[in-house]
Amino acid sequence: MTTSRNILHLRYGYSYLLTTSIKFFFLFLLLIISDTAKTHAMHNDNLIVKDGIFYKADTLQKFNGVTTGKEQFTIQNGILEGPYSRFYDNGRLREEGSFSKGKMQGIIYSYYPNGQLKRIANYQFGSKDGEMVEYWSNGMMFAQFLFKNDLENGKQIIYSRSGTINYVLSGIYVDGTKVASFTN
């Protein structure tokens, strides 16, 4: 005589076992996939760079994650992508900015070892493009430059440490060549 328990076992036993096995297989597969896409942190010394691509030194796989140490970068599929920071030996910030597709992008800030602002520069696809301002270590403005495609282009003003314009070095530039000087 067939009991309701036997019917349930015959009816759901193998199906339940098969469904459970499939669920575990997909869960395992999901864990493997998510582990490879996971963001990792790794010290710069454990990476090697070849042709602008960052690889894990031990496996030679393209690195995904963030680096730690004096240079902190965000790297996706071996390429610099996102914010970065560089530090001096004393722990102070040396430079900060962002990368896009392996090239500097946007505003990049540079600092002296004492923390004083040194330079503000705008980058487009890895080239200086737009205004760049530099400062003396005493905080006074040193220079104002305009760039286009990494070449000086436009009015360039150079200042002395006391803040007065240096007319000999200042001028108008076109494609990196000085075409006119200022007079006082």
C-alpha atoms as a PDB file:
ATOM      1  CA  MET A   1       0.000   0.000   0.000  1.00  0.00           C
ATOM      2  CA  THR A   2       1.281   3.408  -0.928  1.00  0.00           C
ATOM      3  CA  THR A   3       1.227   5.933   1.845  1.00  0.00           C
ATOM      4  CA  SER A   4       1.081   9.651   1.402  1.00  0.00           C
ATOM      5  CA  ARG A   5       4.639   9.824   2.709  1.00  0.00           C
ATOM      6  CA  ASN A   6       5.908   7.479  -0.022  1.00  0.00           C
ATOM      7  CA  ILE A   7       4.026   9.426  -2.679  1.00  0.00           C
ATOM      8  CA  LEU A   8       5.572  12.687  -1.464  1.00  0.00           C
ATOM      9  CA  HIS A   9       9.030  11.065  -1.477  1.00  0.00           C
ATOM     10  CA  LEU A  10       8.596   9.675  -4.975  1.00  0.00           C
ATOM     11  CA  ARG A  11       6.978  12.813  -6.229  1.00  0.00           C
ATOM     12  CA  TYR A  12       9.281  15.434  -4.624  1.00  0.00           C
ATOM     13  CA  GLY A  13      12.391  13.526  -3.583  1.00  0.00           C
ATOM     14  CA  TYR A  14      14.318  13.405  -6.832  1.00  0.00           C
ATOM     15  CA  SER A  15      12.948  16.718  -8.031  1.00  0.00           C
ATOM     16  CA  TYR A  16      13.866  18.357  -4.730  1.00  0.00           C
ATOM     17  CA  LEU A  17      17.339  16.819  -4.848  1.00  0.00           C
ATOM     18  CA  LEU A  18      17.869  17.997  -8.425  1.00  0.00           C
ATOM     19  CA  THR A  19      16.589  21.509  -7.687  1.00  0.00           C
ATOM     20  CA  THR A  20      18.746  21.805  -4.588  1.00  0.00           C
ATOM     21  CA  SER A  21      21.820  20.631  -6.503  1.00  0.00           C
ATOM     22  CA  ILE A  22      21.195  23.198  -9.235  1.00  0.00           C
ATOM     23  CA  LYS A  23      20.732  25.949  -6.638  1.00  0.00           C
ATOM     24  CA  PHE A  24      24.044  25.038  -4.962  1.00  0.00           C
ATOM     25  CA  PHE A  25      25.806  24.940  -8.341  1.00  0.00           C
ATOM     26  CA  PHE A  26      24.587  28.445  -9.243  1.00  0.00           C
ATOM     27  CA  LEU A  27      25.411  29.750  -5.768  1.00  0.00           C
ATOM     28  CA  PHE A  28      28.941  28.349  -6.123  1.00  0.00           C
ATOM     29  CA  LEU A  29      29.254  29.878  -9.603  1.00  0.00           C
ATOM     30  CA  LEU A  30      28.021  33.234  -8.277  1.00  0.00           C
ATOM     31  CA  LEU A  31      30.608  33.164  -5.492  1.00  0.00           C
ATOM     32  CA  ILE A  32      33.417  32.489  -7.972  1.00  0.00           C
ATOM     33  CA  ILE A  33      32.292  35.282 -10.307  1.00  0.00           C
ATOM     34  CA  SER A  34      31.822  37.811  -7.509  1.00  0.00           C
ATOM     35  CA  ASP A  35      35.270  36.978  -6.097  1.00  0.00           C
ATOM     36  CA  THR A  36      36.976  37.805  -9.400  1.00  0.00           C
ATOM     37  CA  ALA A  37      35.082  41.106  -9.682  1.00  0.00           C
ATOM     38  CA  LYS A  38      35.760  42.015  -6.048  1.00  0.00           C
ATOM     39  CA  THR A  39      37.831  45.112  -5.366  1.00  0.00           C
ATOM     40  CA  HIS A  40      41.102  44.267  -3.660  1.00  0.00           C
ATOM     41  CA  ALA A  41      43.667  46.427  -1.917  1.00  0.00           C
ATOM     42  CA  MET A  42      47.311  45.738  -2.666  1.00  0.00           C
ATOM     43  CA  HIS A  43      50.581  47.493  -1.857  1.00  0.00           C
ATOM     44  CA  ASN A  44      52.342  49.070  -4.861  1.00  0.00           C
ATOM     45  CA  ASP A  45      55.368  46.811  -4.320  1.00  0.00           C
ATOM     46  CA  ASN A  46      53.220  43.788  -5.227  1.00  0.00           C
ATOM     47  CA  LEU A  47      52.352  45.139  -8.680  1.00  0.00           C
ATOM     48  CA  ILE A  48      54.307  45.371 -11.901  1.00  0.00           C
ATOM     49  CA  VAL A  49      53.589  47.760 -14.763  1.00  0.00           C
ATOM     50  CA  LYS A  50      54.085  46.796 -18.384  1.00  0.00           C
ATOM     51  CA  ASP A  51      53.005  49.106 -21.230  1.00  0.00           C
ATOM     52  CA  GLY A  52      50.866  51.117 -18.789  1.00  0.00           C
ATOM     53  CA  ILE A  53      48.976  48.041 -17.516  1.00  0.00           C
ATOM     54  CA  PHE A  54      49.175  47.022 -13.845  1.00  0.00           C
ATOM     55  CA  TYR A  55      49.584  43.315 -13.074  1.00  0.00           C
ATOM     56  CA  LYS A  56      49.752  41.361  -9.831  1.00  0.00           C
ATOM     57  CA  ALA A  57      53.427  40.433  -9.478  1.00  0.00           C
ATOM     58  CA  ASP A  58      52.720  36.903  -8.235  1.00  0.00           C
ATOM     59  CA  THR A  59      50.121  35.843 -10.833  1.00  0.00           C
ATOM     60  CA  LEU A  60      50.665  38.287 -13.719  1.00  0.00           C
ATOM     61  CA  GLN A  61      46.892  38.857 -13.812  1.00  0.00           C
ATOM     62  CA  LYS A  62      45.546  42.348 -14.530  1.00  0.00           C
ATOM     63  CA  PHE A  63      44.888  44.065 -11.221  1.00  0.00           C
ATOM     64  CA  ASN A  64      41.478  45.329 -10.080  1.00  0.00           C
ATOM     65  CA  GLY A  65      41.285  47.384  -6.923  1.00  0.00           C
ATOM     66  CA  VAL A  66      43.139  50.062  -5.038  1.00  0.00           C
ATOM     67  CA  THR A  67      46.813  50.333  -4.195  1.00  0.00           C
ATOM     68  CA  THR A  68      48.175  51.176  -0.777  1.00  0.00           C
ATOM     69  CA  GLY A  69      51.415  52.851   0.229  1.00  0.00           C
ATOM     70  CA  LYS A  70      52.954  56.138  -0.949  1.00  0.00           C
ATOM     71  CA  GLU A  71      50.977  55.960  -4.192  1.00  0.00           C
ATOM     72  CA  GLN A  72      47.304  55.142  -3.884  1.00  0.00           C
ATOM     73  CA  PHE A  73      45.527  54.511  -7.163  1.00  0.00           C
ATOM     74  CA  THR A  74      42.242  53.012  -8.279  1.00  0.00           C
ATOM     75  CA  ILE A  75      42.821  50.421 -10.997  1.00  0.00           C
ATOM     76  CA  GLN A  76      40.224  48.677 -13.160  1.00  0.00           C
ATOM     77  CA  ASN A  77      41.239  45.819 -15.429  1.00  0.00           C
ATOM     78  CA  GLY A  78      44.884  46.866 -15.066  1.00  0.00           C
ATOM     79  CA  ILE A  79      44.290  50.518 -16.041  1.00  0.00           C
ATOM     80  CA  LEU A  80      44.354  53.609 -13.811  1.00  0.00           C
ATOM     81  CA  GLU A  81      40.756  54.742 -13.398  1.00  0.00           C
ATOM     82  CA  GLY A  82      39.439  57.120 -10.768  1.00  0.00           C
ATOM     83  CA  PRO A  83      40.995  59.048  -7.888  1.00  0.00           C
ATOM     84  CA  TYR A  84      44.647  58.837  -6.886  1.00  0.00           C
ATOM     85  CA  SER A  85      46.946  60.258  -4.206  1.00  0.00           C
ATOM     86  CA  ARG A  86      50.728  60.359  -3.821  1.00  0.00           C
ATOM     87  CA  PHE A  87      52.488  60.994  -0.519  1.00  0.00           C
ATOM     88  CA  TYR A  88      55.892  62.217   0.636  1.00  0.00           C
ATOM     89  CA  ASP A  89      58.039  60.128   3.000  1.00  0.00           C
ATOM     90  CA  ASN A  90      56.799  62.363   5.848  1.00  0.00           C
ATOM     91  CA  GLY A  91      53.237  61.183   5.109  1.00  0.00           C
ATOM     92  CA  ARG A  92      52.008  64.496   3.722  1.00  0.00           C
ATOM     93  CA  LEU A  93      50.072  64.646   0.513  1.00  0.00           C
ATOM     94  CA  ARG A  94      52.277  65.211  -2.559  1.00  0.00           C
ATOM     95  CA  GLU A  95      49.675  65.101  -5.346  1.00  0.00           C
ATOM     96  CA  GLU A  96      46.030  64.223  -5.854  1.00  0.00           C
ATOM     97  CA  GLY A  97      43.720  64.006  -8.802  1.00  0.00           C
ATOM     98  CA  SER A  98      41.996  61.535 -11.060  1.00  0.00           C
ATOM     99  CA  PHE A  99      42.658  59.207 -13.977  1.00  0.00           C
ATOM    100  CA  SER A 100      40.378  58.185 -16.819  1.00  0.00           C
ATOM    101  CA  LYS A 101      41.359  55.289 -19.084  1.00  0.00           C
ATOM    102  CA  GLY A 102      44.950  55.472 -17.803  1.00  0.00           C
ATOM    103  CA  LYS A 103      45.380  59.215 -18.415  1.00  0.00           C
ATOM    104  CA  MET A 104      45.316  62.145 -15.991  1.00  0.00           C
ATOM    105  CA  GLN A 105      41.927  63.816 -16.178  1.00  0.00           C
ATOM    106  CA  GLY A 106      40.544  66.944 -14.533  1.00  0.00           C
ATOM    107  CA  ILE A 107      42.180  69.106 -11.904  1.00  0.00           C
ATOM    108  CA  ILE A 108      45.455  67.843 -10.416  1.00  0.00           C
ATOM    109  CA  TYR A 109      46.733  69.373  -7.156  1.00  0.00           C
ATOM    110  CA  SER A 110      50.423  69.233  -6.173  1.00  0.00           C
ATOM    111  CA  TYR A 111      51.860  70.175  -2.764  1.00  0.00           C
ATOM    112  CA  TYR A 112      55.225  70.978  -1.195  1.00  0.00           C
ATOM    113  CA  PRO A 113      56.516  68.639   1.576  1.00  0.00           C
ATOM    114  CA  ASN A 114      55.285  71.165   4.176  1.00  0.00           C
ATOM    115  CA  GLY A 115      51.718  70.842   2.840  1.00  0.00           C
ATOM    116  CA  GLN A 116      51.681  74.209   1.045  1.00  0.00           C
ATOM    117  CA  LEU A 117      49.924  74.198  -2.349  1.00  0.00           C
ATOM    118  CA  LYS A 118      52.478  74.028  -5.186  1.00  0.00           C
ATOM    119  CA  ARG A 119      50.449  73.686  -8.398  1.00  0.00           C
ATOM    120  CA  ILE A 120      46.933  73.410  -9.751  1.00  0.00           C
ATOM    121  CA  ALA A 121      46.732  72.083 -13.307  1.00  0.00           C
ATOM    122  CA  ASN A 122      43.920  70.981 -15.562  1.00  0.00           C
ATOM    123  CA  TYR A 123      44.367  67.832 -17.662  1.00  0.00           C
ATOM    124  CA  GLN A 124      42.344  66.436 -20.536  1.00  0.00           C
ATOM    125  CA  PHE A 125      43.189  62.899 -21.699  1.00  0.00           C
ATOM    126  CA  GLY A 126      46.660  63.081 -20.105  1.00  0.00           C
ATOM    127  CA  SER A 127      47.679  66.464 -21.524  1.00  0.00           C
ATOM    128  CA  LYS A 128      47.749  69.836 -19.787  1.00  0.00           C
ATOM    129  CA  ASP A 129      44.795  71.735 -21.154  1.00  0.00           C
ATOM    130  CA  GLY A 130      43.546  74.996 -19.696  1.00  0.00           C
ATOM    131  CA  GLU A 131      44.927  77.003 -16.818  1.00  0.00           C
ATOM    132  CA  MET A 132      47.836  75.967 -14.624  1.00  0.00           C
ATOM    133  CA  VAL A 133      48.825  78.013 -11.580  1.00  0.00           C
ATOM    134  CA  GLU A 134      52.061  77.476  -9.647  1.00  0.00           C
ATOM    135  CA  TYR A 135      53.059  78.867  -6.246  1.00  0.00           C
ATOM    136  CA  TRP A 136      56.340  79.580  -4.505  1.00  0.00           C
ATOM    137  CA  SER A 137      56.927  77.588  -1.308  1.00  0.00           C
ATOM    138  CA  ASN A 138      56.073  80.799   0.635  1.00  0.00           C
ATOM    139  CA  GLY A 139      52.514  80.678  -0.788  1.00  0.00           C
ATOM    140  CA  MET A 140      52.956  83.572  -3.222  1.00  0.00           C
ATOM    141  CA  MET A 141      51.932  82.978  -6.831  1.00  0.00           C
ATOM    142  CA  PHE A 142      54.848  81.937  -9.061  1.00  0.00           C
ATOM    143  CA  ALA A 143      53.195  81.581 -12.472  1.00  0.00           C
ATOM    144  CA  GLN A 144      49.958  81.502 -14.440  1.00  0.00           C
ATOM    145  CA  PHE A 145      50.019  79.462 -17.622  1.00  0.00           C
ATOM    146  CA  LEU A 146      47.514  78.535 -20.281  1.00  0.00           C
ATOM    147  CA  PHE A 147      47.925  75.226 -22.092  1.00  0.00           C
ATOM    148  CA  LYS A 148      46.362  73.539 -25.071  1.00  0.00           C
ATOM    149  CA  ASN A 149      47.287  69.946 -25.897  1.00  0.00           C
ATOM    150  CA  ASP A 150      50.249  70.068 -23.479  1.00  0.00           C
ATOM    151  CA  LEU A 151      51.765  73.206 -25.076  1.00  0.00           C
ATOM    152  CA  GLU A 152      51.862  76.712 -23.629  1.00  0.00           C
ATOM    153  CA  ASN A 153      49.227  78.665 -25.473  1.00  0.00           C
ATOM    154  CA  GLY A 154      48.168  82.160 -24.428  1.00  0.00           C
ATOM    155  CA  LYS A 155      49.233  84.609 -21.755  1.00  0.00           C
ATOM    156  CA  GLN A 156      51.945  83.368 -19.382  1.00  0.00           C
ATOM    157  CA  ILE A 157      52.724  85.474 -16.330  1.00  0.00           C
ATOM    158  CA  ILE A 158      55.731  84.751 -14.106  1.00  0.00           C
ATOM    159  CA  TYR A 159      56.039  86.394 -10.674  1.00  0.00           C
ATOM    160  CA  SER A 160      58.986  87.020  -8.371  1.00  0.00           C
ATOM    161  CA  ARG A 161      58.927  85.681  -4.778  1.00  0.00           C
ATOM    162  CA  SER A 162      57.711  89.098  -3.650  1.00  0.00           C
ATOM    163  CA  GLY A 163      54.740  89.000  -6.070  1.00  0.00           C
ATOM    164  CA  THR A 164      55.897  91.414  -8.802  1.00  0.00           C
ATOM    165  CA  ILE A 165      55.682  90.388 -12.468  1.00  0.00           C
ATOM    166  CA  ASN A 166      58.894  89.209 -14.116  1.00  0.00           C
ATOM    167  CA  TYR A 167      58.526  90.853 -17.528  1.00  0.00           C
ATOM    168  CA  VAL A 168      61.557  89.078 -19.025  1.00  0.00           C
ATOM    169  CA  LEU A 169      60.041  85.612 -18.560  1.00  0.00           C
ATOM    170  CA  SER A 170      56.370  86.527 -19.080  1.00  0.00           C
ATOM    171  CA  GLY A 171      54.770  86.719 -22.509  1.00  0.00           C
ATOM    172  CA  ILE A 172      52.313  85.395 -25.051  1.00  0.00           C
ATOM    173  CA  TYR A 173      52.770  81.849 -26.353  1.00  0.00           C
ATOM    174  CA  VAL A 174      51.347  80.053 -29.368  1.00  0.00           C
ATOM    175  CA  ASP A 175      51.791  76.289 -29.599  1.00  0.00           C
ATOM    176  CA  GLY A 176      54.655  76.376 -27.089  1.00  0.00           C
ATOM    177  CA  THR A 177      56.584  79.233 -28.716  1.00  0.00           C
ATOM    178  CA  LYS A 178      56.898  82.699 -27.181  1.00  0.00           C
ATOM    179  CA  VAL A 179      55.591  85.198 -29.761  1.00  0.00           C
ATOM    180  CA  ALA A 180      55.417  88.385 -27.672  1.00  0.00           C
ATOM    181  CA  SER A 181      56.879  89.821 -24.472  1.00  0.00           C
ATOM    182  CA  PHE A 182      55.343  92.113 -21.893  1.00  0.00           C
ATOM    183  CA  THR A 183      56.792  95.491 -21.038  1.00  0.00           C
ATOM    184  CA  ASN A 184      56.465  97.287 -17.752  1.00  0.00           C
END
